[in-house]
Structures are given as C-alpha cells and as structure tokens.
Protein backbone atom coordinates (compact mmCIF):
# COMPACT_ATOMS: atom_id res chain seq x y z
CA MET A 1 19.70 18.76 -4.31
CA LEU A 2 20.94 15.21 -3.84
CA GLY A 3 20.49 15.68 -0.10
CA LEU A 4 16.88 16.71 -0.64
CA LEU A 5 16.32 13.69 -2.85
CA TYR A 6 17.72 11.46 -0.11
CA LYS A 7 15.47 13.21 2.44
CA ASP A 8 12.41 12.56 0.28
CA ILE A 9 13.27 8.87 0.03
CA VAL A 10 13.83 8.52 3.79
CA SER A 11 10.78 10.54 4.84
CA ASN A 12 8.51 8.64 2.44
CA LYS A 13 10.00 5.19 2.89
CA LYS A 14 6.92 3.78 4.65
CA THR A 15 4.83 4.60 1.59
CA MET A 16 7.42 4.13 -1.15
CA ILE A 17 8.82 0.76 -0.10
CA PRO A 18 5.45 -1.09 -0.26
CA MET A 19 4.69 0.60 -3.59
CA PHE A 20 8.10 -0.33 -4.99
CA LEU A 21 7.68 -3.91 -3.77
CA ILE A 22 4.34 -4.13 -5.57
CA ILE A 23 5.88 -2.80 -8.79
CA GLY A 24 8.85 -5.15 -8.43
CA ALA A 25 6.52 -8.09 -7.84
CA LEU A 26 4.53 -7.19 -10.97
CA GLU A 27 7.62 -6.97 -13.12
CA LEU A 28 9.38 -10.00 -11.69
CA GLY A 29 6.13 -11.99 -11.74
CA MET A 30 5.69 -11.21 -15.43
CA LEU A 31 9.18 -12.49 -16.21
CA VAL A 32 8.84 -15.68 -14.12
CA VAL A 33 5.34 -16.55 -15.39
CA MET A 34 6.19 -15.97 -19.02
CA ILE A 35 9.39 -17.97 -18.94
CA SER A 36 7.63 -20.77 -17.01
CA VAL A 37 4.91 -20.89 -19.66
CA THR A 38 7.59 -21.11 -22.32
CA VAL A 39 9.43 -23.95 -20.60
CA PHE A 40 6.51 -25.99 -19.25
CA GLY A 41 3.55 -24.88 -21.38
CA SER A 42 2.09 -27.21 -23.96
CA GLU A 43 1.07 -24.40 -26.33
CA LYS A 44 3.11 -21.45 -27.45
CA LEU A 45 1.76 -18.03 -26.52
CA LYS A 46 0.86 -15.58 -29.25
CA ASP A 47 2.36 -12.15 -29.66
CA TRP A 48 -0.77 -10.32 -28.53
CA GLU A 49 -1.13 -12.47 -25.39
CA LEU A 50 2.32 -11.52 -24.12
CA GLY A 51 1.73 -7.96 -25.28
CA LEU A 52 -1.51 -7.81 -23.31
CA VAL A 53 0.27 -8.88 -20.12
CA TYR A 54 2.93 -6.25 -20.77
CA MET A 55 0.30 -3.53 -21.21
CA LEU A 56 -1.55 -4.57 -18.04
CA CYS A 57 1.69 -4.31 -16.06
CA SER A 58 2.37 -0.89 -17.61
CA ILE A 59 -1.08 0.40 -16.67
CA ASN A 60 -0.72 -0.89 -13.09
CA ILE A 61 2.64 0.87 -12.74
CA PHE A 62 1.07 4.04 -14.15
CA PHE A 63 -1.58 4.21 -11.41
CA ILE A 64 0.80 3.23 -8.61
CA LEU A 65 3.24 5.99 -9.54
CA LEU A 66 0.38 8.45 -9.92
CA PHE A 67 -0.61 7.91 -6.28
CA LEU A 68 2.98 8.33 -5.10
CA GLU A 69 3.21 11.96 -6.21
CA PRO A 70 1.07 13.42 -3.39
CA CYS A 71 3.12 11.48 -0.82
CA ILE A 72 6.33 13.06 -2.08
CA ASN A 73 4.93 16.56 -1.48
CA GLN A 74 2.80 16.04 1.60
CA ASN A 75 5.58 15.53 4.15
CA ASP A 76 7.10 18.92 3.33
CA GLU A 77 3.91 20.89 3.88
CA MET A 78 5.21 22.72 6.95
CA LYS A 79 5.66 26.46 7.29
CA LYS A 80 8.91 26.01 9.26
CA TRP A 81 10.41 23.82 6.55
CA GLN A 82 9.34 26.25 3.83
CA ALA A 83 10.88 29.18 5.72
CA PHE A 84 14.12 27.23 6.19
CA ILE A 85 14.34 26.32 2.50
CA ALA A 86 13.58 29.88 1.42
CA SER A 87 16.43 31.17 3.61
CA THR A 88 19.08 28.99 1.94
CA GLU A 89 20.89 29.77 -1.30
CA ASP A 90 18.73 28.66 -4.27
CA GLY A 91 16.73 26.70 -1.71
CA VAL A 92 13.41 27.03 -3.51
CA LYS A 93 14.87 25.86 -6.83
CA LYS A 94 16.54 22.88 -5.15
CA GLN A 95 13.42 22.00 -3.14
CA VAL A 96 11.13 22.09 -6.16
CA GLY A 97 13.75 20.49 -8.40
CA SER A 98 14.11 17.53 -6.05
CA LYS A 99 10.37 16.81 -6.40
CA TYR A 100 10.52 16.93 -10.18
CA LEU A 101 13.65 14.78 -10.31
CA MET A 102 12.15 12.22 -7.96
CA CYS A 103 9.06 11.88 -10.14
CA PHE A 104 11.19 11.73 -13.30
CA PHE A 105 13.54 9.05 -11.95
CA MET A 106 10.74 6.88 -10.59
CA THR A 107 8.86 7.01 -13.88
CA THR A 108 11.77 6.35 -16.23
CA VAL A 109 13.43 3.65 -14.09
CA PHE A 110 10.35 1.48 -13.55
CA TYR A 111 9.04 1.71 -17.10
CA ASN A 112 12.43 0.99 -18.62
CA LEU A 113 12.89 -1.94 -16.26
CA LEU A 114 9.53 -3.30 -17.38
CA ASN A 115 10.55 -2.74 -21.00
CA LEU A 116 13.74 -4.72 -20.39
CA ILE A 117 11.78 -7.56 -18.81
CA GLY A 118 9.36 -7.50 -21.74
CA SER A 119 12.27 -7.74 -24.18
CA VAL A 120 13.80 -10.67 -22.29
CA SER A 121 10.46 -12.48 -22.12
CA SER A 122 9.68 -11.94 -25.80
CA ALA A 123 13.16 -13.06 -26.83
CA ALA A 124 12.90 -16.21 -24.70
CA MET A 125 9.56 -17.04 -26.31
CA GLU A 126 10.54 -15.93 -29.79
CA LEU A 127 7.67 -13.45 -29.88
CA ASP A 128 7.39 -9.88 -31.10
CA ILE A 129 5.76 -7.35 -28.77
CA THR A 130 7.46 -4.26 -30.21
CA LEU A 131 4.08 -2.68 -30.92
CA PHE A 132 2.95 -3.07 -27.31
CA GLN A 133 6.29 -1.86 -25.97
CA THR A 134 6.10 1.24 -28.14
CA LEU A 135 2.64 2.03 -26.83
CA GLY A 136 3.51 1.10 -23.25
CA MET A 137 6.52 3.41 -23.21
CA GLN A 138 4.22 6.31 -24.14
CA LEU A 139 2.85 6.03 -20.61
CA ILE A 140 6.16 7.54 -19.46
CA TRP A 141 5.35 10.77 -21.22
CA LEU A 142 1.71 10.72 -20.16
CA GLN A 143 2.84 10.21 -16.55
CA LEU A 144 5.29 13.11 -16.73
CA LEU A 145 2.68 15.30 -18.41
CA LEU A 146 0.23 14.67 -15.57
CA TYR A 147 2.97 15.43 -13.05
CA ALA A 148 3.72 18.66 -14.92
CA ILE A 149 0.07 19.72 -14.74
CA GLU A 150 -0.54 18.74 -11.12
CA MET A 151 2.72 19.76 -9.44
CA PRO A 152 2.33 23.57 -9.59
CA PHE A 153 -1.16 23.31 -8.10
CA MET A 154 0.01 20.97 -5.33
CA LEU A 155 2.89 23.27 -4.41
CA ALA A 156 0.80 26.44 -4.61
CA PHE A 157 -2.35 25.24 -2.83
CA GLY A 158 -1.29 22.11 -0.93
CA VAL A 159 -1.75 18.46 -1.81
CA LYS A 160 -5.41 18.19 -0.79
CA LYS A 161 -6.55 21.10 -2.94
CA GLY A 162 -4.06 20.35 -5.70
CA GLU A 163 -5.42 16.83 -6.13
CA LYS A 164 -8.70 18.32 -7.32
CA ILE A 165 -6.92 19.05 -10.59
CA ARG A 166 -6.43 15.30 -11.01
CA GLU A 167 -10.13 14.77 -10.43
CA ILE A 168 -10.95 17.34 -13.09
CA ILE A 169 -8.56 15.69 -15.56
CA CYS A 170 -10.11 12.28 -14.90
CA LEU A 171 -13.60 13.70 -15.39
CA LEU A 172 -12.58 15.32 -18.68
CA LEU A 173 -11.04 12.08 -19.91
CA ALA A 174 -14.15 10.15 -18.90
CA LEU A 175 -16.30 12.74 -20.70
CA ALA A 176 -14.17 12.48 -23.83
CA ALA A 177 -14.36 8.67 -23.72
CA GLY A 178 -18.14 8.83 -23.25
CA ILE A 179 -18.54 11.18 -26.21
CA TYR A 180 -16.42 8.91 -28.39
CA LEU A 181 -18.40 5.84 -27.32
CA CYS A 182 -21.61 7.62 -28.27
CA PHE A 183 -20.56 9.18 -31.56
CA GLY A 184 -17.19 7.70 -32.58
CA ASP A 185 -16.26 4.81 -34.84
CA LEU A 186 -16.27 1.67 -32.67
CA SER A 187 -15.80 -0.82 -35.50
CA ILE A 188 -12.07 -1.25 -34.80
CA PHE A 189 -12.79 -2.48 -31.27
CA GLY A 190 -15.11 -5.28 -32.38
CA ASP A 191 -12.36 -7.46 -33.82
CA PRO A 192 -9.11 -7.79 -31.78
CA VAL A 193 -7.10 -8.63 -34.90
CA LYS A 194 -8.45 -5.58 -36.72
CA PHE A 195 -7.67 -3.41 -33.71
CA LEU A 196 -4.07 -4.66 -33.61
CA PHE A 197 -3.65 -3.91 -37.30
CA TRP A 198 -5.04 -0.42 -36.67
CA LEU A 199 -2.51 0.14 -33.86
CA ARG A 200 0.32 -1.11 -36.06
CA ASP A 201 -0.66 1.21 -38.88
CA PHE A 202 -0.94 4.12 -36.44
CA VAL A 203 2.53 3.53 -34.99
CA GLN A 204 4.18 2.93 -38.35
CA GLY A 205 2.19 5.53 -40.29
CA SER A 206 0.94 8.99 -39.41
CA GLY A 207 1.19 8.29 -35.68
CA ASN A 208 4.95 7.92 -36.00
CA TYR A 209 5.39 11.71 -36.00
CA PHE A 210 3.21 11.93 -32.90
CA LEU A 211 5.34 9.34 -31.11
CA LEU A 212 8.56 11.10 -32.10
CA LEU A 213 7.39 14.52 -30.97
CA THR A 214 5.87 13.38 -27.68
CA PRO A 215 9.16 13.06 -25.68
CA PRO A 216 10.68 16.50 -26.49
CA VAL A 217 7.35 18.32 -26.14
CA THR A 218 6.67 16.62 -22.80
CA LEU A 219 10.14 17.44 -21.45
CA ILE A 220 9.75 21.07 -22.46
CA LEU A 221 6.38 21.25 -20.70
CA TYR A 222 7.92 19.48 -17.69
CA TYR A 223 10.62 22.16 -17.46
CA ILE A 224 8.08 24.97 -17.89
CA SER A 225 6.04 23.40 -15.08
CA TYR A 226 9.19 23.38 -12.90
CA CYS A 227 9.72 27.10 -13.53
CA ILE A 228 6.09 27.83 -12.64
CA SER A 229 6.36 25.74 -9.47
CA CYS A 230 9.45 27.68 -8.37
CA ARG A 231 7.47 30.91 -8.65
CA VAL A 232 4.40 29.69 -6.77
CA TYR A 233 6.12 27.55 -4.12
CA LEU A 234 6.17 30.23 -1.41
CA ARG A 235 2.45 30.81 -1.82
CA GLY A 236 1.78 27.26 -0.69
CA GLY A 237 2.64 28.14 2.90
CA GLU A 238 -0.62 30.06 3.18
CA HIS A 239 -2.49 26.76 2.84
CA TYR A 240 -0.33 24.67 5.20
CA ASP A 241 -1.88 23.60 8.50
CA LYS A 242 1.40 23.64 10.42
C-alpha cells in the first residue's frame, strides 16, 4: 500500500505541489504576519482578530483539499490499471485504501500544522484563540465526512459523474442556509461580541458532547465508506474511457 501511496504522490505531483505550496504559503504567511504585527505594530491585536485570520486560513485549506480529491482518483481511471490491480493479492483493498489514506494524511497533517502555527502565534502575542482552534479543527472531520460520502461514488461511476454528489451536497447546504436565513434566529449574528459568546457557550456547554462524538463517528463512517468503495471499485471500469 505504501507503494501505491508513493505512486499517487508522483503521478499527481503537478497538481499537488502547487496546491501544497499555496497551503504552505497561507500557513507560513499567517505566522510571519502575526509575529511581525506583534513586534512592529503599535496596537495589540485582539483575540477575535487573530482567531478570524486562523478561521480564514482553515476555510481556504478546506476548499483546496476538497479539490484535490478528484485529482487523486482521476489518474487511475484506466481499465488496464484496474485489471492489473484486481489480479494482485488484495489489490482492490490496497488500491482503495491508498486513496483513503492519502486523503486522511493530507487533511490531518495540514490542519494540525495550521493549529500549531496558530498556537505559536497566539502564544507570541499573549492571546487566546482556543475557541477558534476548536471550531477550526472540526473542519478535519467535515472534510473526512465529505470524502467518505463522495469517494464510493467517484470509484463506482468515475470522477466526472461522482462529482455530481458534491454539487448536490452544496445545493442542499445552500438550501438549508437559505431556509435558516428566512426563518431562523439571526439576532446572534448582528453583534460580533454576542456571536462569540454564543460560540463559547456552545463549545463549553451542550455542544461539547457534539464535539466529542464527532471524531469517532466520522472515523467509523470513513471506514464504512472504505468498505463500500472496495465493493464497488470494479464497477467503475464500466465508466472509464480508456
């Protein structure tokens, strides 16, 4: 499986290297800018200002990694490669497993690196962004959950058709957001301070159980998705062009 992981990195290097450089620039830029502001700035930043920068970096990483998933699968959409993998011992499990491990490693490494940079920046400035880091790290599990939903469809129907699932998810999220904007309580968004207090209460109160249960539930669903992908992988060859 390590060989397949290495193959994925080499075959996708033209796409992955620019993406990784962008992510690295975001994370390193955050550290440099924040420390420079601390050393040369005339006014001290507030907790929420550093936290906002941290969240913006987290969201950017989320979308960059989301667009990398199709690239990881697309290069292997060949009937000859699928036949070769199927002929080897546990080849399908290793092939599918390499995709899931690649997505898992990319997600956890970059988010944890950003979290480390956020901790260094906040310590250097004597600020507390724990609330934002807690929320930002939840993007790890959201990212893996989206991978778990999309991957079986991409492997069973090909990347082009499988990506339609992402479009459906985005439309459902947009619909849910629109319904909430029309009928939900928007008072907490009017005052930034009030909104921060609401987030703090959510994390420290009833939302704490939600945050604790999210990682194990997501990992279980991720494994179930892997098992489904192993079963449907051979069907994907029917949709490959070559």
